[in-house]
N, C-alpha and C. Protein backbone atom coordinates (compact mmCIF):
# COMPACT_ATOMS: atom_id res chain seq x y z
N MET A 1 0.83 -0.99 0.01
CA MET A 1 -0.05 -0.02 0.08
C MET A 1 0.80 1.32 0.05
N ARG A 2 0.29 2.13 -0.48
CA ARG A 2 1.33 3.81 -0.58
C ARG A 2 0.65 4.77 0.29
N VAL A 3 1.54 5.16 1.05
CA VAL A 3 0.99 5.90 1.92
C VAL A 3 1.92 7.40 1.67
N VAL A 4 0.95 8.57 1.71
CA VAL A 4 1.72 10.13 1.62
C VAL A 4 1.14 10.37 2.99
N LEU A 5 2.22 11.14 3.83
CA LEU A 5 1.50 11.81 4.97
C LEU A 5 1.89 12.93 5.12
N ASP A 6 1.06 13.79 5.53
CA ASP A 6 0.99 15.33 5.66
C ASP A 6 2.14 15.61 6.59
N THR A 7 2.70 16.80 6.49
CA THR A 7 3.71 17.20 7.19
C THR A 7 3.29 17.45 8.76
N ASN A 8 1.90 17.68 8.94
CA ASN A 8 1.48 17.70 10.25
C ASN A 8 1.48 16.57 11.10
N ILE A 9 1.04 15.42 10.24
CA ILE A 9 1.43 13.97 10.84
C ILE A 9 2.79 13.49 11.20
N LEU A 10 3.61 14.01 10.38
CA LEU A 10 4.92 13.80 10.33
C LEU A 10 5.57 14.43 11.70
N VAL A 11 5.34 15.72 11.77
CA VAL A 11 5.76 16.54 12.99
C VAL A 11 4.95 15.91 14.22
N SER A 12 3.85 15.93 14.26
CA SER A 12 3.25 15.10 15.39
C SER A 12 3.80 13.72 15.95
N ALA A 13 3.84 12.94 14.77
CA ALA A 13 4.62 11.60 15.10
C ALA A 13 6.11 11.62 15.37
N LEU A 14 6.84 12.74 15.40
CA LEU A 14 8.18 12.90 15.92
C LEU A 14 8.28 13.61 17.03
N LEU A 15 7.42 14.39 17.22
CA LEU A 15 7.40 15.11 18.58
C LEU A 15 6.66 14.62 19.77
N VAL A 16 5.49 13.67 19.58
CA VAL A 16 4.51 13.21 20.51
C VAL A 16 4.62 11.79 20.38
N LYS A 17 5.48 11.07 21.05
CA LYS A 17 5.87 9.42 20.64
C LYS A 17 4.56 8.59 21.34
N ASN A 18 3.57 8.97 22.01
CA ASN A 18 2.42 8.42 22.24
C ASN A 18 1.27 8.42 21.52
N GLY A 19 1.00 9.19 20.42
CA GLY A 19 -0.07 9.36 19.62
C GLY A 19 -0.43 8.59 18.47
N ILE A 20 -1.42 8.64 17.97
CA ILE A 20 -1.71 7.88 16.75
C ILE A 20 -0.94 8.10 15.64
N PRO A 21 -0.53 9.59 15.17
CA PRO A 21 0.50 9.58 14.18
C PRO A 21 1.86 8.86 14.37
N ALA A 22 1.98 8.83 16.01
CA ALA A 22 3.62 7.92 16.17
C ALA A 22 3.31 6.42 15.69
N ARG A 23 2.14 5.98 16.10
CA ARG A 23 2.04 4.73 15.96
C ARG A 23 1.93 4.32 14.34
N ILE A 24 1.66 5.47 13.30
CA ILE A 24 1.41 4.96 12.04
C ILE A 24 2.74 4.92 11.58
N ILE A 25 3.56 6.12 12.03
CA ILE A 25 5.30 5.91 11.82
C ILE A 25 5.84 4.60 12.21
N GLU A 26 5.39 4.07 13.09
CA GLU A 26 6.19 2.82 13.75
C GLU A 26 5.61 1.59 12.78
N ARG A 27 4.73 1.86 11.87
CA ARG A 27 4.25 0.73 10.92
C ARG A 27 4.81 0.93 9.82
N VAL A 28 5.69 2.22 9.50
CA VAL A 28 6.21 2.95 8.11
C VAL A 28 6.86 1.70 7.10
N GLU A 29 7.21 0.57 7.79
CA GLU A 29 7.88 -0.53 7.06
C GLU A 29 6.63 -1.35 6.57
N GLN A 30 5.51 -1.05 6.51
CA GLN A 30 4.46 -2.32 6.06
C GLN A 30 4.04 -1.22 4.73
N PHE A 31 4.18 -0.18 4.91
CA PHE A 31 3.82 1.01 3.65
C PHE A 31 4.88 1.05 2.76
N GLU A 32 4.53 1.73 1.55
CA GLU A 32 5.52 2.32 0.40
C GLU A 32 5.02 4.05 0.92
N LEU A 33 6.07 4.54 1.65
CA LEU A 33 5.76 5.88 1.93
C LEU A 33 6.38 6.76 0.60
N LEU A 34 5.20 7.47 0.22
CA LEU A 34 5.84 8.39 -0.54
C LEU A 34 5.90 9.86 -0.23
N GLY A 35 6.56 10.81 -0.65
CA GLY A 35 7.15 12.03 -0.46
C GLY A 35 7.71 12.81 -1.63
N SER A 36 8.04 14.03 -1.19
CA SER A 36 8.76 14.84 -2.31
C SER A 36 9.56 15.85 -1.53
N ASN A 37 10.61 16.11 -2.45
CA ASN A 37 11.28 17.27 -1.70
C ASN A 37 10.85 18.70 -1.43
N GLU A 38 9.51 18.56 -1.64
CA GLU A 38 8.71 19.98 -1.13
C GLU A 38 8.02 19.48 0.11
N THR A 39 7.70 18.50 0.34
CA THR A 39 7.37 17.85 1.54
C THR A 39 8.63 17.57 2.69
N LEU A 40 9.68 17.38 2.48
CA LEU A 40 11.08 17.55 3.09
C LEU A 40 11.30 18.81 3.52
N ALA A 41 11.10 19.68 2.60
CA ALA A 41 11.35 21.24 3.00
C ALA A 41 10.47 21.48 3.86
N GLU A 42 9.30 21.64 3.50
CA GLU A 42 8.18 21.98 4.52
C GLU A 42 8.46 21.04 5.66
N LEU A 43 8.87 20.11 5.99
CA LEU A 43 9.46 19.32 7.27
C LEU A 43 10.37 20.14 8.18
N GLU A 44 11.36 20.59 7.20
CA GLU A 44 12.54 21.10 8.05
C GLU A 44 11.85 22.68 8.25
N ARG A 45 11.30 23.22 7.37
CA ARG A 45 10.85 24.58 7.82
C ARG A 45 10.08 24.48 9.12
N VAL A 46 8.99 23.69 9.27
CA VAL A 46 8.10 23.65 10.45
C VAL A 46 9.13 23.39 11.60
N LEU A 47 10.05 22.24 11.73
CA LEU A 47 10.67 22.15 12.75
C LEU A 47 11.53 23.17 13.33
N HIS A 48 12.00 24.20 12.39
CA HIS A 48 12.73 25.72 12.76
C HIS A 48 11.44 26.40 13.60
N TYR A 49 10.46 26.09 13.29
CA TYR A 49 9.39 27.11 14.07
C TYR A 49 10.02 27.66 16.06
N PRO A 50 10.23 28.80 16.17
CA PRO A 50 10.57 28.94 17.17
C PRO A 50 9.70 28.30 18.34
N ARG A 51 8.42 28.22 18.42
CA ARG A 51 7.72 27.87 19.50
C ARG A 51 7.92 26.33 19.82
N LEU A 52 8.16 25.64 18.42
CA LEU A 52 8.43 24.30 18.44
C LEU A 52 9.98 24.01 19.03
N GLN A 53 10.98 24.53 18.68
CA GLN A 53 12.32 24.63 19.04
C GLN A 53 12.32 24.93 20.73
N ARG A 54 11.51 25.87 21.17
CA ARG A 54 11.34 25.85 22.70
C ARG A 54 10.46 24.80 23.22
N LYS A 55 9.86 24.37 22.94
CA LYS A 55 8.86 23.45 23.66
C LYS A 55 9.49 22.29 23.70
N TYR A 56 10.44 21.57 22.54
CA TYR A 56 10.53 20.41 22.48
C TYR A 56 12.47 20.43 22.45
N SER A 57 13.07 21.34 22.67
CA SER A 57 14.39 21.60 22.62
C SER A 57 15.12 21.05 21.40
N LEU A 58 14.47 21.54 20.04
CA LEU A 58 15.02 21.02 19.03
C LEU A 58 16.10 21.90 18.76
N SER A 59 17.30 21.01 18.33
CA SER A 59 18.56 21.80 17.91
C SER A 59 18.72 21.51 16.41
N GLU A 60 19.40 22.24 15.67
CA GLU A 60 19.82 21.92 14.56
C GLU A 60 20.32 20.43 14.04
N VAL A 61 20.88 19.80 15.15
CA VAL A 61 21.44 18.31 14.95
C VAL A 61 20.03 17.37 15.04
N ILE A 62 19.26 17.79 15.92
CA ILE A 62 18.14 16.75 16.06
C ILE A 62 17.12 16.91 14.70
N ILE A 63 17.12 18.38 14.38
CA ILE A 63 16.09 18.82 12.95
C ILE A 63 16.90 18.02 12.03
N THR A 64 18.37 17.84 11.93
CA THR A 64 18.71 17.30 10.50
C THR A 64 18.68 15.72 10.70
N VAL A 65 18.56 15.00 11.82
CA VAL A 65 18.46 13.79 12.35
C VAL A 65 16.95 13.14 11.68
N LEU A 66 16.06 14.19 12.33
CA LEU A 66 14.69 13.85 12.00
C LEU A 66 14.19 13.96 10.60
N SER A 67 15.01 14.94 9.76
CA SER A 67 14.45 15.09 8.32
C SER A 67 15.37 14.04 7.42
N ARG A 68 16.65 13.84 7.89
CA ARG A 68 17.35 12.80 7.14
C ARG A 68 16.51 11.42 7.21
N GLY A 69 15.77 11.03 8.43
CA GLY A 69 15.35 10.07 8.75
C GLY A 69 13.96 9.76 7.88
N TYR A 70 13.25 10.87 7.78
CA TYR A 70 11.94 11.04 7.01
C TYR A 70 12.79 10.63 5.17
N ALA A 71 13.73 11.35 4.92
CA ALA A 71 14.32 11.48 3.79
C ALA A 71 14.53 9.93 3.15
N ARG A 72 15.13 9.30 4.04
CA ARG A 72 15.53 7.66 4.04
C ARG A 72 14.24 6.82 3.63
N GLN A 73 13.04 7.07 4.41
CA GLN A 73 12.15 6.66 4.13
C GLN A 73 11.29 6.72 2.76
N VAL A 74 11.49 7.82 2.21
CA VAL A 74 10.92 7.81 1.11
C VAL A 74 11.54 7.91 -0.31
């Protein structure tokens, strides 16, 4: 099955480990995850939001790791 995940789902799954989006990501191996360079760029942009960086202590290293992890899946 092919799946395209919205950026909101990706961000939620990455930041909230016990939610429904996180459970979807846990099963990503069961799907063919489709994405685009635009989705990856949006993910990186959203993870740079100051309010997310403050609330979740996101550093450049963490953002890079999260973004590259998504990029490897698509």
